[in-house]
Amino acid sequence: MIVLAGLALGVAWGGFLARKRGGNRLDIAQYAAGFGIAFMLLGLFVTIFVERALT
């Protein structure tokens, strides 16, 4: 669940940031994909850490 939340948050933040900086549709899509992947990986590491901490 944390991974999917990270993906959604990253896509939203990346799209917002690109739109704020005046990017076109492709810029917004690229920022959304990049931030989505980065936040998804961060969520994966958080999930692994939490799972190992609870066992």
PDB file of N, CA and C in Angstrom:
ATOM      1  N   MET A   1       0.808  -1.199   0.000  1.00  0.00           N
ATOM      2  CA  MET A   1       0.000   0.000   0.000  1.00  0.00           C
ATOM      3  C   MET A   1       0.853   1.266   0.000  1.00  0.00           C
ATOM      4  N   ILE A   2       1.955   1.218   0.730  1.00  0.00           N
ATOM      5  CA  ILE A   2       2.825   2.388   0.791  1.00  0.00           C
ATOM      6  C   ILE A   2       3.429   2.660  -0.586  1.00  0.00           C
ATOM      7  N   VAL A   3       3.693   1.593  -1.331  1.00  0.00           N
ATOM      8  CA  VAL A   3       4.281   1.751  -2.664  1.00  0.00           C
ATOM      9  C   VAL A   3       3.297   2.464  -3.590  1.00  0.00           C
ATOM     10  N   LEU A   4       2.043   2.047  -3.554  1.00  0.00           N
ATOM     11  CA  LEU A   4       1.034   2.679  -4.415  1.00  0.00           C
ATOM     12  C   LEU A   4       0.751   4.120  -3.999  1.00  0.00           C
ATOM     13  N   ALA A   5       0.755   4.374  -2.693  1.00  0.00           N
ATOM     14  CA  ALA A   5       0.563   5.748  -2.224  1.00  0.00           C
ATOM     15  C   ALA A   5       1.731   6.627  -2.670  1.00  0.00           C
ATOM     16  N   GLY A   6       2.940   6.089  -2.610  1.00  0.00           N
ATOM     17  CA  GLY A   6       4.103   6.833  -3.080  1.00  0.00           C
ATOM     18  C   GLY A   6       4.026   7.128  -4.566  1.00  0.00           C
ATOM     19  N   LEU A   7       3.574   6.141  -5.329  1.00  0.00           N
ATOM     20  CA  LEU A   7       3.413   6.344  -6.773  1.00  0.00           C
ATOM     21  C   LEU A   7       2.410   7.457  -7.061  1.00  0.00           C
ATOM     22  N   ALA A   8       1.257   7.400  -6.411  1.00  0.00           N
ATOM     23  CA  ALA A   8       0.227   8.410  -6.641  1.00  0.00           C
ATOM     24  C   ALA A   8       0.697   9.802  -6.215  1.00  0.00           C
ATOM     25  N   LEU A   9       1.360   9.869  -5.072  1.00  0.00           N
ATOM     26  CA  LEU A   9       1.859  11.156  -4.592  1.00  0.00           C
ATOM     27  C   LEU A   9       2.930  11.713  -5.525  1.00  0.00           C
ATOM     28  N   GLY A  10       3.815  10.855  -5.999  1.00  0.00           N
ATOM     29  CA  GLY A  10       4.866  11.297  -6.906  1.00  0.00           C
ATOM     30  C   GLY A  10       4.334  11.791  -8.238  1.00  0.00           C
ATOM     31  N   VAL A  11       3.361  11.084  -8.777  1.00  0.00           N
ATOM     32  CA  VAL A  11       2.764  11.503 -10.049  1.00  0.00           C
ATOM     33  C   VAL A  11       2.072  12.859  -9.890  1.00  0.00           C
ATOM     34  N   ALA A  12       1.334  13.009  -8.795  1.00  0.00           N
ATOM     35  CA  ALA A  12       0.632  14.274  -8.569  1.00  0.00           C
ATOM     36  C   ALA A  12       1.615  15.423  -8.369  1.00  0.00           C
ATOM     37  N   TRP A  13       2.641  15.186  -7.581  1.00  0.00           N
ATOM     38  CA  TRP A  13       3.613  16.245  -7.304  1.00  0.00           C
ATOM     39  C   TRP A  13       4.426  16.589  -8.551  1.00  0.00           C
ATOM     40  N   GLY A  14       4.832  15.585  -9.301  1.00  0.00           N
ATOM     41  CA  GLY A  14       5.592  15.833 -10.519  1.00  0.00           C
ATOM     42  C   GLY A  14       4.775  16.596 -11.557  1.00  0.00           C
ATOM     43  N   GLY A  15       3.519  16.207 -11.723  1.00  0.00           N
ATOM     44  CA  GLY A  15       2.655  16.919 -12.663  1.00  0.00           C
ATOM     45  C   GLY A  15       2.412  18.357 -12.249  1.00  0.00           C
ATOM     46  N   PHE A  16       2.191  18.551 -10.964  1.00  0.00           N
ATOM     47  CA  PHE A  16       1.970  19.907 -10.459  1.00  0.00           C
ATOM     48  C   PHE A  16       3.214  20.772 -10.649  1.00  0.00           C
ATOM     49  N   LEU A  17       4.379  20.206 -10.348  1.00  0.00           N
ATOM     50  CA  LEU A  17       5.624  20.961 -10.455  1.00  0.00           C
ATOM     51  C   LEU A  17       5.911  21.357 -11.905  1.00  0.00           C
ATOM     52  N   ALA A  18       5.698  20.425 -12.827  1.00  0.00           N
ATOM     53  CA  ALA A  18       5.945  20.730 -14.233  1.00  0.00           C
ATOM     54  C   ALA A  18       4.962  21.785 -14.750  1.00  0.00           C
ATOM     55  N   ARG A  19       3.712  21.687 -14.313  1.00  0.00           N
ATOM     56  CA  ARG A  19       2.724  22.680 -14.742  1.00  0.00           C
ATOM     57  C   ARG A  19       3.062  24.049 -14.171  1.00  0.00           C
ATOM     58  N   LYS A  20       3.525  24.082 -12.924  1.00  0.00           N
ATOM     59  CA  LYS A  20       3.893  25.336 -12.284  1.00  0.00           C
ATOM     60  C   LYS A  20       5.072  25.997 -13.000  1.00  0.00           C
ATOM     61  N   ARG A  21       5.980  25.170 -13.520  1.00  0.00           N
ATOM     62  CA  ARG A  21       7.151  25.697 -14.226  1.00  0.00           C
ATOM     63  C   ARG A  21       6.859  26.008 -15.688  1.00  0.00           C
ATOM     64  N   GLY A  22       5.622  25.833 -16.125  1.00  0.00           N
ATOM     65  CA  GLY A  22       5.235  26.217 -17.475  1.00  0.00           C
ATOM     66  C   GLY A  22       5.528  25.166 -18.543  1.00  0.00           C
ATOM     67  N   GLY A  23       5.547  23.914 -18.186  1.00  0.00           N
ATOM     68  CA  GLY A  23       5.854  22.856 -19.142  1.00  0.00           C
ATOM     69  C   GLY A  23       4.653  22.485 -19.998  1.00  0.00           C
ATOM     70  N   ASN A  24       4.944  21.914 -21.151  1.00  0.00           N
ATOM     71  CA  ASN A  24       3.853  21.441 -22.005  1.00  0.00           C
ATOM     72  C   ASN A  24       3.432  20.037 -21.561  1.00  0.00           C
ATOM     73  N   ARG A  25       2.551  19.388 -22.331  1.00  0.00           N
ATOM     74  CA  ARG A  25       2.024  18.082 -21.916  1.00  0.00           C
ATOM     75  C   ARG A  25       3.106  17.033 -21.769  1.00  0.00           C
ATOM     76  N   LEU A  26       4.075  17.023 -22.667  1.00  0.00           N
ATOM     77  CA  LEU A  26       5.136  16.024 -22.579  1.00  0.00           C
ATOM     78  C   LEU A  26       6.041  16.269 -21.375  1.00  0.00           C
ATOM     79  N   ASP A  27       6.296  17.536 -21.060  1.00  0.00           N
ATOM     80  CA  ASP A  27       7.071  17.848 -19.860  1.00  0.00           C
ATOM     81  C   ASP A  27       6.343  17.379 -18.603  1.00  0.00           C
ATOM     82  N   ILE A  28       5.042  17.634 -18.560  1.00  0.00           N
ATOM     83  CA  ILE A  28       4.242  17.212 -17.407  1.00  0.00           C
ATOM     84  C   ILE A  28       4.256  15.694 -17.283  1.00  0.00           C
ATOM     85  N   ALA A  29       4.133  15.003 -18.397  1.00  0.00           N
ATOM     86  CA  ALA A  29       4.150  13.533 -18.370  1.00  0.00           C
ATOM     87  C   ALA A  29       5.515  13.008 -17.916  1.00  0.00           C
ATOM     88  N   GLN A  30       6.583  13.620 -18.371  1.00  0.00           N
ATOM     89  CA  GLN A  30       7.916  13.168 -17.987  1.00  0.00           C
ATOM     90  C   GLN A  30       8.172  13.417 -16.501  1.00  0.00           C
ATOM     91  N   TYR A  31       7.817  14.585 -16.007  1.00  0.00           N
ATOM     92  CA  TYR A  31       7.977  14.865 -14.583  1.00  0.00           C
ATOM     93  C   TYR A  31       7.124  13.909 -13.753  1.00  0.00           C
ATOM     94  N   ALA A  32       5.887  13.685 -14.180  1.00  0.00           N
ATOM     95  CA  ALA A  32       5.004  12.790 -13.436  1.00  0.00           C
ATOM     96  C   ALA A  32       5.578  11.376 -13.397  1.00  0.00           C
ATOM     97  N   ALA A  33       6.100  10.894 -14.505  1.00  0.00           N
ATOM     98  CA  ALA A  33       6.685   9.552 -14.534  1.00  0.00           C
ATOM     99  C   ALA A  33       7.936   9.482 -13.669  1.00  0.00           C
ATOM    100  N   GLY A  34       8.791  10.459 -13.775  1.00  0.00           N
ATOM    101  CA  GLY A  34      10.029  10.457 -12.991  1.00  0.00           C
ATOM    102  C   GLY A  34       9.775  10.528 -11.492  1.00  0.00           C
ATOM    103  N   PHE A  35       8.925  11.444 -11.083  1.00  0.00           N
ATOM    104  CA  PHE A  35       8.615  11.564  -9.666  1.00  0.00           C
ATOM    105  C   PHE A  35       7.844  10.342  -9.176  1.00  0.00           C
ATOM    106  N   GLY A  36       6.970   9.807 -10.019  1.00  0.00           N
ATOM    107  CA  GLY A  36       6.228   8.608  -9.637  1.00  0.00           C
ATOM    108  C   GLY A  36       7.151   7.433  -9.373  1.00  0.00           C
ATOM    109  N   ILE A  37       8.116   7.222 -10.250  1.00  0.00           N
ATOM    110  CA  ILE A  37       9.070   6.124 -10.067  1.00  0.00           C
ATOM    111  C   ILE A  37       9.918   6.351  -8.824  1.00  0.00           C
ATOM    112  N   ALA A  38      10.386   7.566  -8.624  1.00  0.00           N
ATOM    113  CA  ALA A  38      11.230   7.864  -7.468  1.00  0.00           C
ATOM    114  C   ALA A  38      10.474   7.653  -6.159  1.00  0.00           C
ATOM    115  N   PHE A  39       9.250   8.151  -6.078  1.00  0.00           N
ATOM    116  CA  PHE A  39       8.473   8.003  -4.850  1.00  0.00           C
ATOM    117  C   PHE A  39       8.043   6.552  -4.649  1.00  0.00           C
ATOM    118  N   MET A  40       7.814   5.827  -5.736  1.00  0.00           N
ATOM    119  CA  MET A  40       7.464   4.418  -5.619  1.00  0.00           C
ATOM    120  C   MET A  40       8.640   3.636  -5.038  1.00  0.00           C
ATOM    121  N   LEU A  41       9.851   3.920  -5.493  1.00  0.00           N
ATOM    122  CA  LEU A  41      11.032   3.260  -4.941  1.00  0.00           C
ATOM    123  C   LEU A  41      11.231   3.630  -3.471  1.00  0.00           C
ATOM    124  N   LEU A  42      11.011   4.879  -3.131  1.00  0.00           N
ATOM    125  CA  LEU A  42      11.104   5.292  -1.743  1.00  0.00           C
ATOM    126  C   LEU A  42      10.073   4.542  -0.893  1.00  0.00           C
ATOM    127  N   GLY A  43       8.863   4.406  -1.400  1.00  0.00           N
ATOM    128  CA  GLY A  43       7.830   3.648  -0.696  1.00  0.00           C
ATOM    129  C   GLY A  43       8.188   2.188  -0.546  1.00  0.00           C
ATOM    130  N   LEU A  44       8.860   1.620  -1.535  1.00  0.00           N
ATOM    131  CA  LEU A  44       9.306   0.236  -1.452  1.00  0.00           C
ATOM    132  C   LEU A  44      10.313   0.063  -0.325  1.00  0.00           C
ATOM    133  N   PHE A  45      11.281   0.978  -0.233  1.00  0.00           N
ATOM    134  CA  PHE A  45      12.269   0.892   0.843  1.00  0.00           C
ATOM    135  C   PHE A  45      11.627   1.090   2.212  1.00  0.00           C
ATOM    136  N   VAL A  46      10.662   1.993   2.310  1.00  0.00           N
ATOM    137  CA  VAL A  46       9.955   2.197   3.576  1.00  0.00           C
ATOM    138  C   VAL A  46       9.191   0.928   3.948  1.00  0.00           C
ATOM    139  N   THR A  47       8.544   0.298   2.990  1.00  0.00           N
ATOM    140  CA  THR A  47       7.815  -0.937   3.252  1.00  0.00           C
ATOM    141  C   THR A  47       8.750  -2.034   3.745  1.00  0.00           C
ATOM    142  N   ILE A  48       9.886  -2.182   3.095  1.00  0.00           N
ATOM    143  CA  ILE A  48      10.863  -3.196   3.519  1.00  0.00           C
ATOM    144  C   ILE A  48      11.358  -2.894   4.927  1.00  0.00           C
ATOM    145  N   PHE A  49      11.652  -1.650   5.213  1.00  0.00           N
ATOM    146  CA  PHE A  49      12.117  -1.265   6.546  1.00  0.00           C
ATOM    147  C   PHE A  49      11.063  -1.567   7.601  1.00  0.00           C
ATOM    148  N   VAL A  50       9.810  -1.219   7.340  1.00  0.00           N
ATOM    149  CA  VAL A  50       8.736  -1.455   8.307  1.00  0.00           C
ATOM    150  C   VAL A  50       8.529  -2.943   8.526  1.00  0.00           C
ATOM    151  N   GLU A  51       8.541  -3.720   7.471  1.00  0.00           N
ATOM    152  CA  GLU A  51       8.363  -5.167   7.596  1.00  0.00           C
ATOM    153  C   GLU A  51       9.476  -5.795   8.432  1.00  0.00           C
ATOM    154  N   ARG A  52      10.695  -5.360   8.213  1.00  0.00           N
ATOM    155  CA  ARG A  52      11.825  -5.919   8.974  1.00  0.00           C
ATOM    156  C   ARG A  52      11.817  -5.437  10.420  1.00  0.00           C
ATOM    157  N   ALA A  53      11.325  -4.232  10.662  1.00  0.00           N
ATOM    158  CA  ALA A  53      11.284  -3.698  12.013  1.00  0.00           C
ATOM    159  C   ALA A  53      10.207  -4.386  12.850  1.00  0.00           C
ATOM    160  N   LEU A  54       9.128  -4.838  12.222  1.00  0.00           N
ATOM    161  CA  LEU A  54       8.036  -5.457  12.955  1.00  0.00           C
ATOM    162  C   LEU A  54       8.257  -6.942  13.233  1.00  0.00           C
ATOM    163  N   THR A  55       9.235  -7.549  12.604  1.00  0.00           N
ATOM    164  CA  THR A  55       9.453  -8.986  12.831  1.00  0.00           C
ATOM    165  C   THR A  55      10.619  -9.248  13.739  1.00  0.00           C
TER     166      THR A  55
END
